[in-house]
Amino acid sequence: MAVGKFPIEASHVMMFARSIGDANDIYYDEEYAKGTESGAIIAPPTFVQASAQFDPDYFLRPKIGEEWFGSAKGPTGITKKKEGGGGGGGGGLHAEQHYVYHRTPKVGDVLTAEVKPGKSWEKEGRRGGKLMFSETVTEYRDQNGELVVTATGVGVRTERPATSGE
């Protein structure tokens, strides 16, 4: 993911908070938020994942004129190999997500995201052979270049398709 500009806007924060069912006034009410430690409406935890919508190449969003695997009319699975996804003979999945908040993102911030590779390691699995883990580290910086959030995703691939174990 390469996001050049991810503006944190009040309406985006409100919709995100509603979508996760969080009614805390810090996400909705500017007057209330002014009286808090942050002094402004802040973004809910995990909000930075919404930056994917500002990435023109985000693979989970359909492209105009292309078939999309999420449509009932299109293919039934991801057909293109993506980093951190499937590979070898087995499939891949998103195993973990971690966030380190260096400060809370708030309305008015304009973030950029830079993706870096993290650690990789292997472990012997029981039914799919070797499990191959890899981290993807995304650093979100504000309009002043200050680090705001570090997000680390962990993907895992199997060496071959897992057997049922029966």
N, C-alpha and C. Protein backbone atom coordinates (compact mmCIF):
# COMPACT_ATOMS: atom_id res chain seq x y z
N MET A 1 0.85 -1.17 0.00
CA MET A 1 0.00 0.00 0.00
C MET A 1 0.89 1.23 0.00
N ALA A 2 0.61 2.11 -0.91
CA ALA A 2 1.34 3.37 -0.98
C ALA A 2 0.31 4.48 -1.04
N VAL A 3 0.18 5.17 0.07
CA VAL A 3 -0.81 6.24 0.15
C VAL A 3 -0.10 7.57 0.25
N GLY A 4 -0.28 8.41 -0.78
CA GLY A 4 0.36 9.71 -0.79
C GLY A 4 -0.31 10.70 0.13
N LYS A 5 -1.64 10.61 0.26
CA LYS A 5 -2.39 11.56 1.07
C LYS A 5 -3.63 10.88 1.62
N PHE A 6 -3.76 10.87 2.93
CA PHE A 6 -4.91 10.28 3.61
C PHE A 6 -5.45 11.33 4.59
N PRO A 7 -6.38 12.19 4.13
CA PRO A 7 -6.91 13.22 5.02
C PRO A 7 -7.88 12.62 6.02
N ILE A 8 -7.73 13.00 7.27
CA ILE A 8 -8.67 12.55 8.30
C ILE A 8 -9.73 13.63 8.43
N GLU A 9 -10.91 13.29 7.96
CA GLU A 9 -12.03 14.23 7.92
C GLU A 9 -13.12 13.78 8.88
N ALA A 10 -13.84 14.74 9.43
CA ALA A 10 -14.87 14.46 10.43
C ALA A 10 -15.92 13.47 9.92
N SER A 11 -16.34 13.63 8.68
CA SER A 11 -17.37 12.71 8.16
C SER A 11 -16.85 11.29 8.05
N HIS A 12 -15.57 11.12 7.68
CA HIS A 12 -14.99 9.78 7.59
C HIS A 12 -14.90 9.15 8.98
N VAL A 13 -14.48 9.94 9.97
CA VAL A 13 -14.39 9.44 11.34
C VAL A 13 -15.78 9.03 11.82
N MET A 14 -16.79 9.87 11.58
CA MET A 14 -18.15 9.56 12.01
C MET A 14 -18.64 8.26 11.39
N MET A 15 -18.45 8.11 10.07
CA MET A 15 -18.92 6.88 9.41
C MET A 15 -18.18 5.65 9.91
N PHE A 16 -16.88 5.78 10.14
CA PHE A 16 -16.11 4.64 10.64
C PHE A 16 -16.60 4.25 12.03
N ALA A 17 -16.76 5.25 12.92
CA ALA A 17 -17.24 4.97 14.27
C ALA A 17 -18.62 4.32 14.24
N ARG A 18 -19.49 4.80 13.39
CA ARG A 18 -20.82 4.19 13.26
C ARG A 18 -20.71 2.76 12.77
N SER A 19 -19.81 2.51 11.82
CA SER A 19 -19.70 1.17 11.25
C SER A 19 -19.21 0.15 12.27
N ILE A 20 -18.45 0.60 13.28
CA ILE A 20 -17.99 -0.33 14.31
C ILE A 20 -18.86 -0.26 15.56
N GLY A 21 -19.94 0.55 15.51
CA GLY A 21 -20.89 0.63 16.61
C GLY A 21 -20.39 1.38 17.83
N ASP A 22 -19.50 2.34 17.65
CA ASP A 22 -18.94 3.10 18.77
C ASP A 22 -19.61 4.47 18.83
N ALA A 23 -20.37 4.71 19.89
CA ALA A 23 -21.13 5.95 20.03
C ALA A 23 -20.41 7.01 20.87
N ASN A 24 -19.13 6.83 21.15
CA ASN A 24 -18.38 7.79 21.96
C ASN A 24 -18.40 9.16 21.29
N ASP A 25 -18.77 10.18 22.06
CA ASP A 25 -18.87 11.55 21.53
C ASP A 25 -17.55 12.09 20.98
N ILE A 26 -16.43 11.54 21.39
CA ILE A 26 -15.12 12.00 20.92
C ILE A 26 -14.99 11.82 19.40
N TYR A 27 -15.82 10.94 18.81
CA TYR A 27 -15.78 10.68 17.37
C TYR A 27 -16.82 11.48 16.59
N TYR A 28 -17.72 12.17 17.29
CA TYR A 28 -18.85 12.83 16.63
C TYR A 28 -19.00 14.32 16.93
N ASP A 29 -18.78 14.68 18.17
CA ASP A 29 -19.18 15.99 18.67
C ASP A 29 -17.96 16.91 18.86
N GLU A 30 -17.84 17.90 17.99
CA GLU A 30 -16.68 18.80 18.02
C GLU A 30 -16.60 19.57 19.34
N GLU A 31 -17.74 20.04 19.83
CA GLU A 31 -17.74 20.81 21.09
C GLU A 31 -17.28 19.92 22.25
N TYR A 32 -17.79 18.73 22.31
CA TYR A 32 -17.36 17.79 23.35
C TYR A 32 -15.86 17.52 23.23
N ALA A 33 -15.41 17.25 22.00
CA ALA A 33 -14.01 16.90 21.76
C ALA A 33 -13.06 18.03 22.16
N LYS A 34 -13.50 19.28 21.98
CA LYS A 34 -12.64 20.42 22.36
C LYS A 34 -12.30 20.41 23.84
N GLY A 35 -13.18 19.85 24.66
CA GLY A 35 -12.96 19.80 26.10
C GLY A 35 -12.17 18.59 26.56
N THR A 36 -11.72 17.75 25.65
CA THR A 36 -10.95 16.57 26.02
C THR A 36 -9.45 16.83 25.90
N GLU A 37 -8.67 15.88 26.34
CA GLU A 37 -7.21 16.01 26.28
C GLU A 37 -6.71 16.26 24.85
N SER A 38 -7.34 15.61 23.87
CA SER A 38 -6.90 15.77 22.48
C SER A 38 -7.28 17.12 21.91
N GLY A 39 -8.39 17.70 22.40
CA GLY A 39 -8.83 19.00 21.94
C GLY A 39 -9.49 19.00 20.58
N ALA A 40 -9.70 17.81 20.03
CA ALA A 40 -10.31 17.69 18.70
C ALA A 40 -10.94 16.31 18.55
N ILE A 41 -11.78 16.18 17.54
CA ILE A 41 -12.32 14.86 17.21
C ILE A 41 -11.15 13.97 16.81
N ILE A 42 -11.10 12.77 17.41
CA ILE A 42 -10.02 11.84 17.10
C ILE A 42 -10.55 10.67 16.27
N ALA A 43 -9.65 9.95 15.66
CA ALA A 43 -10.01 8.78 14.88
C ALA A 43 -10.05 7.56 15.78
N PRO A 44 -11.02 6.68 15.59
CA PRO A 44 -11.10 5.46 16.39
C PRO A 44 -9.92 4.52 16.13
N PRO A 45 -9.67 3.62 17.06
CA PRO A 45 -8.64 2.60 16.83
C PRO A 45 -8.90 1.86 15.53
N THR A 46 -7.89 1.50 14.85
CA THR A 46 -7.88 0.80 13.55
C THR A 46 -8.32 1.67 12.38
N PHE A 47 -8.66 2.94 12.62
CA PHE A 47 -9.12 3.82 11.54
C PHE A 47 -8.13 3.93 10.40
N VAL A 48 -6.84 3.85 10.71
CA VAL A 48 -5.84 4.02 9.65
C VAL A 48 -5.97 2.97 8.55
N GLN A 49 -6.61 1.84 8.83
CA GLN A 49 -6.83 0.84 7.78
C GLN A 49 -7.69 1.41 6.65
N ALA A 50 -8.49 2.42 6.93
CA ALA A 50 -9.32 3.06 5.91
C ALA A 50 -8.47 3.76 4.86
N SER A 51 -7.20 3.95 5.15
CA SER A 51 -6.31 4.59 4.17
C SER A 51 -6.22 3.78 2.88
N ALA A 52 -6.56 2.50 2.95
CA ALA A 52 -6.55 1.66 1.75
C ALA A 52 -7.46 2.24 0.66
N GLN A 53 -8.49 2.96 1.06
CA GLN A 53 -9.41 3.54 0.09
C GLN A 53 -8.77 4.71 -0.66
N PHE A 54 -7.63 5.19 -0.18
CA PHE A 54 -6.91 6.26 -0.85
C PHE A 54 -5.74 5.73 -1.68
N ASP A 55 -5.59 4.40 -1.70
CA ASP A 55 -4.54 3.74 -2.47
C ASP A 55 -5.13 3.33 -3.82
N PRO A 56 -4.66 3.90 -4.91
CA PRO A 56 -5.26 3.60 -6.21
C PRO A 56 -5.09 2.14 -6.64
N ASP A 57 -4.14 1.43 -6.05
CA ASP A 57 -3.88 0.05 -6.45
C ASP A 57 -4.34 -0.98 -5.41
N TYR A 58 -5.18 -0.59 -4.46
CA TYR A 58 -5.62 -1.51 -3.41
C TYR A 58 -6.37 -2.68 -4.03
N PHE A 59 -5.86 -3.90 -3.82
CA PHE A 59 -6.36 -5.06 -4.54
C PHE A 59 -7.75 -5.52 -4.11
N LEU A 60 -8.25 -5.10 -2.97
CA LEU A 60 -9.59 -5.52 -2.55
C LEU A 60 -10.70 -4.62 -3.08
N ARG A 61 -10.34 -3.55 -3.76
CA ARG A 61 -11.35 -2.66 -4.34
C ARG A 61 -11.45 -2.96 -5.83
N PRO A 62 -12.65 -3.13 -6.36
CA PRO A 62 -12.78 -3.43 -7.79
C PRO A 62 -12.33 -2.26 -8.65
N LYS A 63 -11.77 -2.58 -9.77
CA LYS A 63 -11.37 -1.57 -10.76
C LYS A 63 -12.49 -1.44 -11.78
N ILE A 64 -12.72 -0.25 -12.25
CA ILE A 64 -13.76 -0.02 -13.24
C ILE A 64 -13.44 -0.83 -14.49
N GLY A 65 -14.40 -1.59 -14.95
CA GLY A 65 -14.23 -2.38 -16.17
C GLY A 65 -13.61 -3.75 -15.96
N GLU A 66 -13.21 -4.08 -14.75
CA GLU A 66 -12.63 -5.38 -14.48
C GLU A 66 -13.59 -6.22 -13.65
N GLU A 67 -13.53 -7.55 -13.86
CA GLU A 67 -14.30 -8.43 -13.00
C GLU A 67 -13.69 -8.39 -11.61
N TRP A 68 -14.53 -8.58 -10.61
CA TRP A 68 -14.06 -8.52 -9.24
C TRP A 68 -14.45 -9.79 -8.53
N PHE A 69 -13.52 -10.35 -7.75
CA PHE A 69 -13.79 -11.60 -7.07
C PHE A 69 -14.86 -11.48 -6.00
N GLY A 70 -15.18 -10.27 -5.54
CA GLY A 70 -16.19 -10.10 -4.51
C GLY A 70 -17.60 -10.07 -5.05
N SER A 71 -17.75 -10.04 -6.35
CA SER A 71 -19.07 -10.00 -6.96
C SER A 71 -19.60 -11.41 -7.18
N ALA A 72 -20.88 -11.60 -6.96
CA ALA A 72 -21.47 -12.91 -7.21
C ALA A 72 -21.41 -13.27 -8.68
N LYS A 73 -21.21 -12.28 -9.55
CA LYS A 73 -21.16 -12.52 -10.98
C LYS A 73 -19.76 -12.88 -11.46
N GLY A 74 -18.75 -12.61 -10.64
CA GLY A 74 -17.37 -12.81 -11.06
C GLY A 74 -16.76 -14.06 -10.48
N PRO A 75 -15.45 -14.17 -10.56
CA PRO A 75 -14.75 -15.33 -10.02
C PRO A 75 -15.03 -15.50 -8.53
N THR A 76 -14.80 -16.68 -8.01
CA THR A 76 -15.14 -16.96 -6.62
C THR A 76 -13.98 -16.81 -5.66
N GLY A 77 -12.80 -16.50 -6.15
CA GLY A 77 -11.66 -16.36 -5.25
C GLY A 77 -10.64 -15.40 -5.82
N ILE A 78 -9.66 -15.04 -5.01
CA ILE A 78 -8.59 -14.16 -5.48
C ILE A 78 -7.77 -14.94 -6.48
N THR A 79 -7.61 -14.38 -7.65
CA THR A 79 -6.90 -15.11 -8.70
C THR A 79 -5.49 -14.60 -8.93
N LYS A 80 -5.18 -13.40 -8.48
CA LYS A 80 -3.85 -12.86 -8.68
C LYS A 80 -3.04 -13.00 -7.40
N LYS A 81 -1.80 -13.44 -7.53
CA LYS A 81 -0.94 -13.56 -6.36
C LYS A 81 -0.52 -12.17 -5.91
N LYS A 82 -0.71 -11.89 -4.65
CA LYS A 82 -0.31 -10.62 -4.06
C LYS A 82 0.68 -10.88 -2.95
N GLU A 83 1.51 -9.89 -2.65
CA GLU A 83 2.47 -10.04 -1.57
C GLU A 83 1.73 -10.36 -0.28
N GLY A 84 2.32 -11.28 0.50
CA GLY A 84 1.73 -11.63 1.78
C GLY A 84 0.53 -12.55 1.65
N GLY A 85 0.13 -12.88 0.42
CA GLY A 85 -1.03 -13.73 0.22
C GLY A 85 -0.60 -15.16 0.00
N GLY A 86 -1.33 -15.84 -0.86
CA GLY A 86 -1.06 -17.25 -1.13
C GLY A 86 0.24 -17.43 -1.86
N GLY A 87 0.57 -18.64 -2.09
CA GLY A 87 1.81 -18.93 -2.79
C GLY A 87 2.15 -20.38 -2.61
N GLY A 88 3.14 -20.85 -3.29
CA GLY A 88 3.46 -22.27 -3.19
C GLY A 88 2.23 -23.07 -3.57
N GLY A 89 2.00 -24.15 -2.90
CA GLY A 89 0.82 -24.96 -3.20
C GLY A 89 -0.34 -24.65 -2.31
N GLY A 90 -0.13 -23.84 -1.28
CA GLY A 90 -1.20 -23.59 -0.33
C GLY A 90 -1.72 -22.18 -0.41
N GLY A 91 -2.62 -21.88 0.49
CA GLY A 91 -3.22 -20.56 0.52
C GLY A 91 -2.57 -19.69 1.55
N GLY A 92 -2.92 -18.42 1.52
CA GLY A 92 -2.39 -17.47 2.48
C GLY A 92 -3.53 -16.79 3.20
N LEU A 93 -3.23 -16.30 4.38
CA LEU A 93 -4.25 -15.55 5.10
C LEU A 93 -3.61 -14.51 5.99
N HIS A 94 -4.42 -13.56 6.38
CA HIS A 94 -4.01 -12.50 7.30
C HIS A 94 -4.15 -13.08 8.70
N ALA A 95 -3.04 -13.18 9.43
CA ALA A 95 -3.05 -13.86 10.72
C ALA A 95 -3.18 -12.93 11.91
N GLU A 96 -2.55 -11.76 11.87
CA GLU A 96 -2.55 -10.83 13.00
C GLU A 96 -2.43 -9.40 12.51
N GLN A 97 -2.83 -8.47 13.37
CA GLN A 97 -2.63 -7.05 13.11
C GLN A 97 -2.32 -6.39 14.43
N HIS A 98 -1.26 -5.58 14.45
CA HIS A 98 -0.85 -4.87 15.66
C HIS A 98 -0.72 -3.38 15.33
N TYR A 99 -1.06 -2.55 16.30
CA TYR A 99 -0.94 -1.11 16.13
C TYR A 99 -0.14 -0.52 17.28
N VAL A 100 0.76 0.38 16.97
CA VAL A 100 1.45 1.18 17.98
C VAL A 100 1.08 2.63 17.68
N TYR A 101 0.44 3.27 18.65
CA TYR A 101 0.03 4.66 18.49
C TYR A 101 1.08 5.56 19.15
N HIS A 102 1.74 6.35 18.34
CA HIS A 102 2.72 7.30 18.84
C HIS A 102 2.00 8.57 19.29
N ARG A 103 0.86 8.82 18.70
CA ARG A 103 -0.11 9.81 19.16
C ARG A 103 -1.43 9.47 18.45
N THR A 104 -2.51 10.01 18.94
CA THR A 104 -3.82 9.71 18.36
C THR A 104 -4.04 10.55 17.11
N PRO A 105 -4.38 9.91 15.98
CA PRO A 105 -4.73 10.70 14.79
C PRO A 105 -6.01 11.48 15.05
N LYS A 106 -6.07 12.70 14.54
CA LYS A 106 -7.28 13.51 14.75
C LYS A 106 -7.70 14.22 13.47
N VAL A 107 -8.93 14.68 13.48
CA VAL A 107 -9.48 15.40 12.35
C VAL A 107 -8.56 16.58 12.03
N GLY A 108 -8.26 16.72 10.75
CA GLY A 108 -7.37 17.78 10.29
C GLY A 108 -5.99 17.26 9.92
N ASP A 109 -5.62 16.10 10.47
CA ASP A 109 -4.35 15.49 10.07
C ASP A 109 -4.45 15.02 8.63
N VAL A 110 -3.34 15.06 7.95
CA VAL A 110 -3.22 14.46 6.62
C VAL A 110 -2.06 13.48 6.70
N LEU A 111 -2.40 12.20 6.65
CA LEU A 111 -1.39 11.16 6.83
C LEU A 111 -0.88 10.66 5.49
N THR A 112 0.34 10.17 5.52
CA THR A 112 0.90 9.41 4.41
C THR A 112 1.27 8.05 4.99
N ALA A 113 1.30 7.04 4.13
CA ALA A 113 1.61 5.69 4.59
C ALA A 113 2.76 5.14 3.77
N GLU A 114 3.73 4.61 4.46
CA GLU A 114 4.86 3.96 3.80
C GLU A 114 4.94 2.53 4.30
N VAL A 115 4.99 1.58 3.36
CA VAL A 115 5.02 0.16 3.69
C VAL A 115 6.45 -0.34 3.61
N LYS A 116 6.84 -1.10 4.63
CA LYS A 116 8.17 -1.69 4.69
C LYS A 116 8.04 -3.16 5.06
N PRO A 117 8.95 -3.98 4.57
CA PRO A 117 8.91 -5.39 5.00
C PRO A 117 9.34 -5.49 6.45
N GLY A 118 8.77 -6.45 7.15
CA GLY A 118 9.15 -6.72 8.53
C GLY A 118 9.90 -8.04 8.60
N LYS A 119 9.76 -8.72 9.71
CA LYS A 119 10.42 -10.00 9.92
C LYS A 119 9.71 -11.10 9.15
N SER A 120 10.44 -12.18 8.89
CA SER A 120 9.88 -13.40 8.30
C SER A 120 10.38 -14.57 9.13
N TRP A 121 9.55 -15.59 9.26
CA TRP A 121 9.97 -16.79 9.98
C TRP A 121 9.12 -17.96 9.51
N GLU A 122 9.57 -19.15 9.84
CA GLU A 122 8.88 -20.38 9.44
C GLU A 122 8.64 -21.25 10.66
N LYS A 123 7.62 -22.08 10.53
CA LYS A 123 7.26 -23.01 11.59
C LYS A 123 6.70 -24.24 10.91
N GLU A 124 6.95 -25.41 11.45
CA GLU A 124 6.41 -26.63 10.85
C GLU A 124 4.94 -26.76 11.25
N GLY A 125 4.09 -26.93 10.26
CA GLY A 125 2.67 -27.11 10.51
C GLY A 125 2.32 -28.58 10.61
N ARG A 126 1.07 -28.88 10.99
CA ARG A 126 0.66 -30.27 11.14
C ARG A 126 0.07 -30.85 9.85
N ARG A 127 -0.67 -30.04 9.09
CA ARG A 127 -1.37 -30.61 7.94
C ARG A 127 -1.01 -29.96 6.62
N GLY A 128 -0.46 -28.76 6.62
CA GLY A 128 -0.14 -28.07 5.37
C GLY A 128 1.34 -27.92 5.14
N GLY A 129 2.13 -28.69 5.88
CA GLY A 129 3.58 -28.55 5.74
C GLY A 129 4.07 -27.32 6.46
N LYS A 130 5.12 -26.76 5.93
CA LYS A 130 5.75 -25.59 6.53
C LYS A 130 4.81 -24.39 6.49
N LEU A 131 4.78 -23.62 7.59
CA LEU A 131 4.04 -22.36 7.64
C LEU A 131 5.06 -21.24 7.51
N MET A 132 4.81 -20.34 6.58
CA MET A 132 5.73 -19.23 6.32
C MET A 132 5.05 -17.92 6.72
N PHE A 133 5.60 -17.28 7.74
CA PHE A 133 5.04 -16.04 8.27
C PHE A 133 5.85 -14.85 7.76
N SER A 134 5.18 -13.75 7.51
CA SER A 134 5.88 -12.52 7.12
C SER A 134 5.11 -11.32 7.63
N GLU A 135 5.86 -10.32 8.04
CA GLU A 135 5.27 -9.07 8.52
C GLU A 135 5.32 -8.01 7.42
N THR A 136 4.31 -7.16 7.44
CA THR A 136 4.31 -5.95 6.63
C THR A 136 4.10 -4.79 7.60
N VAL A 137 5.03 -3.87 7.63
CA VAL A 137 4.98 -2.74 8.56
C VAL A 137 4.60 -1.48 7.78
N THR A 138 3.53 -0.83 8.22
CA THR A 138 3.09 0.41 7.59
C THR A 138 3.26 1.54 8.60
N GLU A 139 4.02 2.55 8.20
CA GLU A 139 4.22 3.72 9.05
C GLU A 139 3.34 4.86 8.52
N TYR A 140 2.51 5.39 9.40
CA TYR A 140 1.65 6.52 9.07
C TYR A 140 2.24 7.77 9.69
N ARG A 141 2.55 8.75 8.84
CA ARG A 141 3.12 10.01 9.30
C ARG A 141 2.15 11.15 8.99
N ASP A 142 2.20 12.18 9.83
CA ASP A 142 1.30 13.31 9.63
C ASP A 142 1.90 14.32 8.66
N GLN A 143 1.21 15.41 8.48
CA GLN A 143 1.59 16.46 7.53
C GLN A 143 2.94 17.10 7.88
N ASN A 144 3.42 16.91 9.10
CA ASN A 144 4.72 17.44 9.52
C ASN A 144 5.82 16.39 9.47
N GLY A 145 5.48 15.19 8.99
CA GLY A 145 6.45 14.11 8.92
C GLY A 145 6.62 13.34 10.21
N GLU A 146 5.81 13.66 11.21
CA GLU A 146 5.91 12.97 12.50
C GLU A 146 5.19 11.62 12.44
N LEU A 147 5.82 10.61 13.04
CA LEU A 147 5.24 9.27 13.08
C LEU A 147 4.02 9.27 14.00
N VAL A 148 2.88 8.82 13.49
CA VAL A 148 1.62 8.82 14.25
C VAL A 148 1.25 7.40 14.65
N VAL A 149 1.22 6.48 13.69
CA VAL A 149 0.84 5.09 13.95
C VAL A 149 1.76 4.16 13.18
N THR A 150 2.15 3.07 13.82
CA THR A 150 2.85 1.99 13.14
C THR A 150 1.94 0.77 13.18
N ALA A 151 1.56 0.28 12.01
CA ALA A 151 0.69 -0.90 11.91
C ALA A 151 1.52 -2.06 11.36
N THR A 152 1.45 -3.19 12.03
CA THR A 152 2.17 -4.37 11.60
C THR A 152 1.18 -5.50 11.35
N GLY A 153 1.13 -5.94 10.11
CA GLY A 153 0.27 -7.06 9.74
C GLY A 153 1.13 -8.31 9.57
N VAL A 154 0.58 -9.44 9.97
CA VAL A 154 1.29 -10.71 9.82
C VAL A 154 0.46 -11.60 8.90
N GLY A 155 1.11 -12.05 7.83
CA GLY A 155 0.49 -12.99 6.91
C GLY A 155 1.14 -14.34 7.06
N VAL A 156 0.39 -15.38 6.72
CA VAL A 156 0.93 -16.74 6.79
C VAL A 156 0.51 -17.50 5.54
N ARG A 157 1.45 -18.24 4.98
CA ARG A 157 1.19 -19.11 3.84
C ARG A 157 1.57 -20.53 4.22
N THR A 158 0.89 -21.46 3.62
CA THR A 158 1.24 -22.87 3.84
C THR A 158 2.06 -23.36 2.65
N GLU A 159 2.88 -24.36 2.93
CA GLU A 159 3.73 -24.94 1.88
C GLU A 159 2.89 -25.66 0.82
N ARG A 160 1.80 -26.27 1.29
CA ARG A 160 0.89 -26.99 0.40
C ARG A 160 -0.51 -26.91 0.99
N PRO A 161 -1.52 -27.25 0.21
CA PRO A 161 -2.87 -27.22 0.77
C PRO A 161 -2.97 -28.13 2.00
N ALA A 162 -3.64 -27.64 3.03
CA ALA A 162 -3.78 -28.43 4.25
C ALA A 162 -4.70 -29.62 4.01
N THR A 163 -4.37 -30.74 4.63
CA THR A 163 -5.24 -31.91 4.56
C THR A 163 -6.25 -31.83 5.68
N SER A 164 -7.28 -32.62 5.57
CA SER A 164 -8.34 -32.56 6.57
C SER A 164 -7.92 -33.20 7.87
N GLY A 165 -6.87 -34.00 7.87
CA GLY A 165 -6.40 -34.62 9.10
C GLY A 165 -7.18 -35.86 9.47
N GLU A 166 -8.07 -36.30 8.61
CA GLU A 166 -8.88 -37.49 8.91
C GLU A 166 -8.18 -38.74 8.52
